[in-house]
Amino acid sequence: MKKFFLAVVAVGVTMTSGSFAMANHHGTDAKSPEIVERNARGVATKVKIEGKVYAVCMDGMTDGCINPRAAGLKWGNRPLDYWPGKPASQMD
């Protein structure tokens, strides 16, 4: 029973600590975000949703930003509808 409890605690700690590095999706699919800033190519880099400004996740920036699709933009990665069983970094 102790081994089971320790295993459950270890999994919980691993899942909790790993979630801090993920991009924040803010639980919203904005219908029409207000674009606050664009880069030289005309791509939205900051959006305003419900009065708060968020940086849009781009190449090389994955922390402290919002996923473009979650922000209501029509580009960016799509979330999986299922768990593939292990992280992509551990797949063959």
C-alpha atoms as a PDB file:
ATOM      1  CA  MET A   1       0.000   0.000   0.000  1.00  0.00           C
ATOM      2  CA  LYS A   2       2.884   2.380   0.763  1.00  0.00           C
ATOM      3  CA  LYS A   3       4.385   1.768  -2.700  1.00  0.00           C
ATOM      4  CA  PHE A   4       1.055   2.551  -4.347  1.00  0.00           C
ATOM      5  CA  PHE A   5       0.687   5.766  -2.338  1.00  0.00           C
ATOM      6  CA  LEU A   6       4.234   6.872  -3.195  1.00  0.00           C
ATOM      7  CA  ALA A   7       3.634   6.135  -6.876  1.00  0.00           C
ATOM      8  CA  VAL A   8       0.453   8.231  -6.868  1.00  0.00           C
ATOM      9  CA  VAL A   9       2.247  11.119  -5.131  1.00  0.00           C
ATOM     10  CA  ALA A  10       5.160  10.912  -7.597  1.00  0.00           C
ATOM     11  CA  VAL A  11       2.808  11.042 -10.586  1.00  0.00           C
ATOM     12  CA  GLY A  12       0.940  13.997  -9.076  1.00  0.00           C
ATOM     13  CA  VAL A  13       4.154  15.931  -8.452  1.00  0.00           C
ATOM     14  CA  THR A  14       5.426  15.189 -11.962  1.00  0.00           C
ATOM     15  CA  MET A  15       2.185  16.315 -13.592  1.00  0.00           C
ATOM     16  CA  THR A  16       1.957  19.457 -11.465  1.00  0.00           C
ATOM     17  CA  SER A  17       5.544  20.568 -11.968  1.00  0.00           C
ATOM     18  CA  GLY A  18       5.402  19.916 -15.723  1.00  0.00           C
ATOM     19  CA  SER A  19       2.304  22.028 -16.223  1.00  0.00           C
ATOM     20  CA  PHE A  20       4.032  25.315 -15.346  1.00  0.00           C
ATOM     21  CA  ALA A  21       6.133  25.319 -18.520  1.00  0.00           C
ATOM     22  CA  MET A  22       3.174  24.935 -20.844  1.00  0.00           C
ATOM     23  CA  ALA A  23       1.630  27.754 -22.849  1.00  0.00           C
ATOM     24  CA  ASN A  24      -1.446  29.250 -21.272  1.00  0.00           C
ATOM     25  CA  HIS A  25      -4.589  28.617 -23.287  1.00  0.00           C
ATOM     26  CA  HIS A  26      -6.717  30.766 -20.963  1.00  0.00           C
ATOM     27  CA  GLY A  27      -9.687  28.458 -21.500  1.00  0.00           C
ATOM     28  CA  THR A  28     -11.182  30.642 -24.195  1.00  0.00           C
ATOM     29  CA  ASP A  29     -11.816  30.536 -27.895  1.00  0.00           C
ATOM     30  CA  ALA A  30     -12.309  34.210 -28.597  1.00  0.00           C
ATOM     31  CA  LYS A  31     -14.590  34.830 -31.572  1.00  0.00           C
ATOM     32  CA  SER A  32     -12.879  38.024 -32.716  1.00  0.00           C
ATOM     33  CA  PRO A  33      -9.885  39.154 -30.688  1.00  0.00           C
ATOM     34  CA  GLU A  34      -8.774  42.757 -30.794  1.00  0.00           C
ATOM     35  CA  ILE A  35      -5.322  42.744 -32.376  1.00  0.00           C
ATOM     36  CA  VAL A  36      -3.106  45.135 -30.442  1.00  0.00           C
ATOM     37  CA  GLU A  37       0.227  44.631 -32.213  1.00  0.00           C
ATOM     38  CA  ARG A  38       1.520  43.050 -35.440  1.00  0.00           C
ATOM     39  CA  ASN A  39       5.044  42.132 -36.566  1.00  0.00           C
ATOM     40  CA  ALA A  40       6.726  43.236 -39.822  1.00  0.00           C
ATOM     41  CA  ARG A  41       4.950  40.416 -41.727  1.00  0.00           C
ATOM     42  CA  GLY A  42       1.536  41.577 -40.483  1.00  0.00           C
ATOM     43  CA  VAL A  43       1.052  38.621 -38.105  1.00  0.00           C
ATOM     44  CA  ALA A  44      -0.669  39.383 -34.787  1.00  0.00           C
ATOM     45  CA  THR A  45       1.834  39.291 -31.893  1.00  0.00           C
ATOM     46  CA  LYS A  46      -0.443  40.703 -29.147  1.00  0.00           C
ATOM     47  CA  VAL A  47      -4.200  40.433 -28.709  1.00  0.00           C
ATOM     48  CA  LYS A  48      -6.685  41.878 -26.242  1.00  0.00           C
ATOM     49  CA  ILE A  49      -9.299  39.530 -24.789  1.00  0.00           C
ATOM     50  CA  GLU A  50     -11.814  40.715 -22.199  1.00  0.00           C
ATOM     51  CA  GLY A  51      -9.717  43.797 -21.488  1.00  0.00           C
ATOM     52  CA  LYS A  52      -6.422  41.954 -20.933  1.00  0.00           C
ATOM     53  CA  VAL A  53      -3.504  41.960 -23.410  1.00  0.00           C
ATOM     54  CA  TYR A  54      -1.760  38.643 -24.161  1.00  0.00           C
ATOM     55  CA  ALA A  55       1.359  37.901 -26.199  1.00  0.00           C
ATOM     56  CA  VAL A  56       0.653  35.363 -28.968  1.00  0.00           C
ATOM     57  CA  CYS A  57       2.866  32.235 -28.914  1.00  0.00           C
ATOM     58  CA  MET A  58       5.336  32.303 -31.806  1.00  0.00           C
ATOM     59  CA  ASP A  59       8.440  30.315 -32.829  1.00  0.00           C
ATOM     60  CA  GLY A  60      10.785  30.233 -29.857  1.00  0.00           C
ATOM     61  CA  MET A  61       8.244  31.766 -27.447  1.00  0.00           C
ATOM     62  CA  THR A  62       6.123  29.182 -25.676  1.00  0.00           C
ATOM     63  CA  ASP A  63       5.876  30.475 -22.081  1.00  0.00           C
ATOM     64  CA  GLY A  64       3.686  33.315 -20.896  1.00  0.00           C
ATOM     65  CA  CYS A  65       1.738  33.500 -24.135  1.00  0.00           C
ATOM     66  CA  ILE A  66      -1.601  32.399 -25.562  1.00  0.00           C
ATOM     67  CA  ASN A  67      -2.033  29.779 -28.284  1.00  0.00           C
ATOM     68  CA  PRO A  68      -3.105  31.558 -31.507  1.00  0.00           C
ATOM     69  CA  ARG A  69      -6.151  29.315 -31.984  1.00  0.00           C
ATOM     70  CA  ALA A  70      -7.242  29.803 -28.363  1.00  0.00           C
ATOM     71  CA  ALA A  71      -6.994  33.554 -28.993  1.00  0.00           C
ATOM     72  CA  GLY A  72      -9.420  33.242 -31.920  1.00  0.00           C
ATOM     73  CA  LEU A  73      -6.780  33.592 -34.642  1.00  0.00           C
ATOM     74  CA  LYS A  74      -6.946  31.274 -37.641  1.00  0.00           C
ATOM     75  CA  TRP A  75      -3.398  29.854 -37.407  1.00  0.00           C
ATOM     76  CA  GLY A  76      -1.215  27.855 -35.040  1.00  0.00           C
ATOM     77  CA  ASN A  77      -1.161  24.341 -33.663  1.00  0.00           C
ATOM     78  CA  ARG A  78      -4.353  22.430 -33.045  1.00  0.00           C
ATOM     79  CA  PRO A  79      -4.718  20.578 -29.727  1.00  0.00           C
ATOM     80  CA  LEU A  80      -4.974  16.780 -29.848  1.00  0.00           C
ATOM     81  CA  ASP A  81      -8.373  15.241 -29.102  1.00  0.00           C
ATOM     82  CA  TYR A  82      -6.683  12.319 -27.338  1.00  0.00           C
ATOM     83  CA  TRP A  83      -3.630  11.430 -25.238  1.00  0.00           C
ATOM     84  CA  PRO A  84      -1.167   9.435 -27.391  1.00  0.00           C
ATOM     85  CA  GLY A  85       0.181   7.579 -24.333  1.00  0.00           C
ATOM     86  CA  LYS A  86       3.494   9.390 -23.941  1.00  0.00           C
ATOM     87  CA  PRO A  87       5.120  12.734 -24.771  1.00  0.00           C
ATOM     88  CA  ALA A  88       6.352  13.287 -28.311  1.00  0.00           C
ATOM     89  CA  SER A  89       9.918  13.460 -26.971  1.00  0.00           C
ATOM     90  CA  GLN A  90       9.609   9.809 -25.886  1.00  0.00           C
ATOM     91  CA  MET A  91       8.090   8.468 -29.118  1.00  0.00           C
ATOM     92  CA  ASP A  92      10.097   6.588 -31.734  1.00  0.00           C
END
